[in-house]
Amino acid sequence: MIGESIYNGIDIITYSSNAHFKYDFIVHPGADPDQIELNYEGADIQLIYKELMIDLSIGKVYEHAPIAYQMIKGKRKNILCEYEL
């Protein structure tokens, strides 16, 4: 895993899982998650059932619906999160 600060109070961790590129955003207390943006140049993007379909010259790539949660007293609390085009 490789971690890096990319926004004020937000880090990104990149890694591979089952030969697929993955990434996680870590939003620290007080940081604004609305800073997070994904840009795909030269691609047609559609939102289909909460997932992104990215049509590239080499084929289609799908980004599953995002998952967000907050750890509170050792328990995972799900937070509403979705893609917005």
C-alpha atoms as a PDB file:
ATOM      1  CA  MET A   1       0.000   0.000   0.000  1.00  0.00           C
ATOM      2  CA  ILE A   2       1.109   3.495  -0.787  1.00  0.00           C
ATOM      3  CA  GLY A   3      -0.358   6.410   1.164  1.00  0.00           C
ATOM      4  CA  GLU A   4      -0.223  10.068   0.189  1.00  0.00           C
ATOM      5  CA  SER A   5      -1.899  13.317   1.245  1.00  0.00           C
ATOM      6  CA  ILE A   6      -3.852  14.656  -1.751  1.00  0.00           C
ATOM      7  CA  TYR A   7      -6.268  17.182  -0.239  1.00  0.00           C
ATOM      8  CA  ASN A   8      -6.323  19.207   2.964  1.00  0.00           C
ATOM      9  CA  GLY A   9      -6.962  16.533   5.618  1.00  0.00           C
ATOM     10  CA  ILE A  10      -7.523  13.735   3.097  1.00  0.00           C
ATOM     11  CA  ASP A  11      -5.114  10.940   2.235  1.00  0.00           C
ATOM     12  CA  ILE A  12      -5.308   8.311  -0.477  1.00  0.00           C
ATOM     13  CA  ILE A  13      -4.059   4.759  -0.167  1.00  0.00           C
ATOM     14  CA  THR A  14      -3.491   2.805  -3.393  1.00  0.00           C
ATOM     15  CA  TYR A  15      -3.073  -0.945  -3.653  1.00  0.00           C
ATOM     16  CA  SER A  16      -3.807  -4.015  -5.751  1.00  0.00           C
ATOM     17  CA  SER A  17      -6.439  -6.653  -4.984  1.00  0.00           C
ATOM     18  CA  ASN A  18      -6.939  -9.692  -7.230  1.00  0.00           C
ATOM     19  CA  ALA A  19      -4.812  -7.939  -9.897  1.00  0.00           C
ATOM     20  CA  HIS A  20      -7.116  -4.879  -9.848  1.00  0.00           C
ATOM     21  CA  PHE A  21      -6.078  -1.331  -8.945  1.00  0.00           C
ATOM     22  CA  LYS A  22      -7.820  -0.141  -5.766  1.00  0.00           C
ATOM     23  CA  TYR A  23      -7.814   3.066  -3.746  1.00  0.00           C
ATOM     24  CA  ASP A  24      -9.201   4.288  -0.438  1.00  0.00           C
ATOM     25  CA  PHE A  25      -9.652   7.877   0.691  1.00  0.00           C
ATOM     26  CA  ILE A  26      -8.976   8.510   4.380  1.00  0.00           C
ATOM     27  CA  VAL A  27     -10.879  11.616   5.501  1.00  0.00           C
ATOM     28  CA  HIS A  28      -9.462  12.904   8.777  1.00  0.00           C
ATOM     29  CA  PRO A  29     -11.634  14.643  11.402  1.00  0.00           C
ATOM     30  CA  GLY A  30     -12.635  18.134  10.299  1.00  0.00           C
ATOM     31  CA  ALA A  31     -11.746  17.570   6.630  1.00  0.00           C
ATOM     32  CA  ASP A  32     -14.326  18.202   3.914  1.00  0.00           C
ATOM     33  CA  PRO A  33     -14.997  15.067   1.792  1.00  0.00           C
ATOM     34  CA  ASP A  34     -16.520  17.297  -0.920  1.00  0.00           C
ATOM     35  CA  GLN A  35     -12.916  18.074  -1.931  1.00  0.00           C
ATOM     36  CA  ILE A  36     -12.631  14.606  -3.488  1.00  0.00           C
ATOM     37  CA  GLU A  37     -12.920  14.563  -7.269  1.00  0.00           C
ATOM     38  CA  LEU A  38     -12.149  11.879  -9.838  1.00  0.00           C
ATOM     39  CA  ASN A  39     -11.265  13.060 -13.333  1.00  0.00           C
ATOM     40  CA  TYR A  40     -11.216  10.743 -16.338  1.00  0.00           C
ATOM     41  CA  GLU A  41      -9.869  12.458 -19.436  1.00  0.00           C
ATOM     42  CA  GLY A  42     -10.884  11.185 -22.860  1.00  0.00           C
ATOM     43  CA  ALA A  43     -13.580   8.875 -21.497  1.00  0.00           C
ATOM     44  CA  ASP A  44     -17.348   8.692 -21.733  1.00  0.00           C
ATOM     45  CA  ILE A  45     -18.747   8.246 -18.213  1.00  0.00           C
ATOM     46  CA  GLN A  46     -22.215   7.102 -17.203  1.00  0.00           C
ATOM     47  CA  LEU A  47     -23.787   6.502 -13.828  1.00  0.00           C
ATOM     48  CA  ILE A  48     -25.587   3.131 -13.878  1.00  0.00           C
ATOM     49  CA  TYR A  49     -27.239   1.832 -10.691  1.00  0.00           C
ATOM     50  CA  LYS A  50     -24.882   3.859  -8.443  1.00  0.00           C
ATOM     51  CA  GLU A  51     -21.792   2.569 -10.323  1.00  0.00           C
ATOM     52  CA  LEU A  52     -19.634   4.366 -12.848  1.00  0.00           C
ATOM     53  CA  MET A  53     -19.232   2.923 -16.317  1.00  0.00           C
ATOM     54  CA  ILE A  54     -16.133   4.428 -17.886  1.00  0.00           C
ATOM     55  CA  ASP A  55     -15.888   3.836 -21.640  1.00  0.00           C
ATOM     56  CA  LEU A  56     -12.223   4.044 -22.656  1.00  0.00           C
ATOM     57  CA  SER A  57     -10.583   3.407 -26.017  1.00  0.00           C
ATOM     58  CA  ILE A  58      -9.363   0.052 -24.624  1.00  0.00           C
ATOM     59  CA  GLY A  59     -12.783  -1.004 -23.327  1.00  0.00           C
ATOM     60  CA  LYS A  60     -15.211  -0.384 -20.502  1.00  0.00           C
ATOM     61  CA  VAL A  61     -14.150  -0.103 -16.868  1.00  0.00           C
ATOM     62  CA  TYR A  62     -16.597  -0.206 -13.969  1.00  0.00           C
ATOM     63  CA  GLU A  63     -16.178   1.526 -10.621  1.00  0.00           C
ATOM     64  CA  HIS A  64     -18.416  -0.091  -8.017  1.00  0.00           C
ATOM     65  CA  ALA A  65     -20.584   2.143  -5.863  1.00  0.00           C
ATOM     66  CA  PRO A  66     -18.458   3.864  -3.224  1.00  0.00           C
ATOM     67  CA  ILE A  67     -18.522   2.708   0.383  1.00  0.00           C
ATOM     68  CA  ALA A  68     -18.020   5.125   3.243  1.00  0.00           C
ATOM     69  CA  TYR A  69     -17.920   4.530   6.968  1.00  0.00           C
ATOM     70  CA  GLN A  70     -16.768   6.079  10.216  1.00  0.00           C
ATOM     71  CA  MET A  71     -15.282   4.219  13.153  1.00  0.00           C
ATOM     72  CA  ILE A  72     -16.994   5.293  16.388  1.00  0.00           C
ATOM     73  CA  LYS A  73     -15.872   3.647  19.622  1.00  0.00           C
ATOM     74  CA  GLY A  74     -14.522   0.697  17.666  1.00  0.00           C
ATOM     75  CA  LYS A  75     -17.728   0.163  15.696  1.00  0.00           C
ATOM     76  CA  ARG A  76     -18.185   0.761  11.982  1.00  0.00           C
ATOM     77  CA  LYS A  77     -21.004   3.207  11.128  1.00  0.00           C
ATOM     78  CA  ASN A  78     -21.965   3.395   7.446  1.00  0.00           C
ATOM     79  CA  ILE A  79     -22.138   6.877   5.912  1.00  0.00           C
ATOM     80  CA  LEU A  80     -24.177   7.775   2.809  1.00  0.00           C
ATOM     81  CA  CYS A  81     -21.825   8.179  -0.137  1.00  0.00           C
ATOM     82  CA  GLU A  82     -22.466   8.227  -3.874  1.00  0.00           C
ATOM     83  CA  TYR A  83     -20.952   9.307  -7.168  1.00  0.00           C
ATOM     84  CA  GLU A  84     -22.090  12.599  -8.666  1.00  0.00           C
ATOM     85  CA  LEU A  85     -21.393  13.420 -12.294  1.00  0.00           C
END
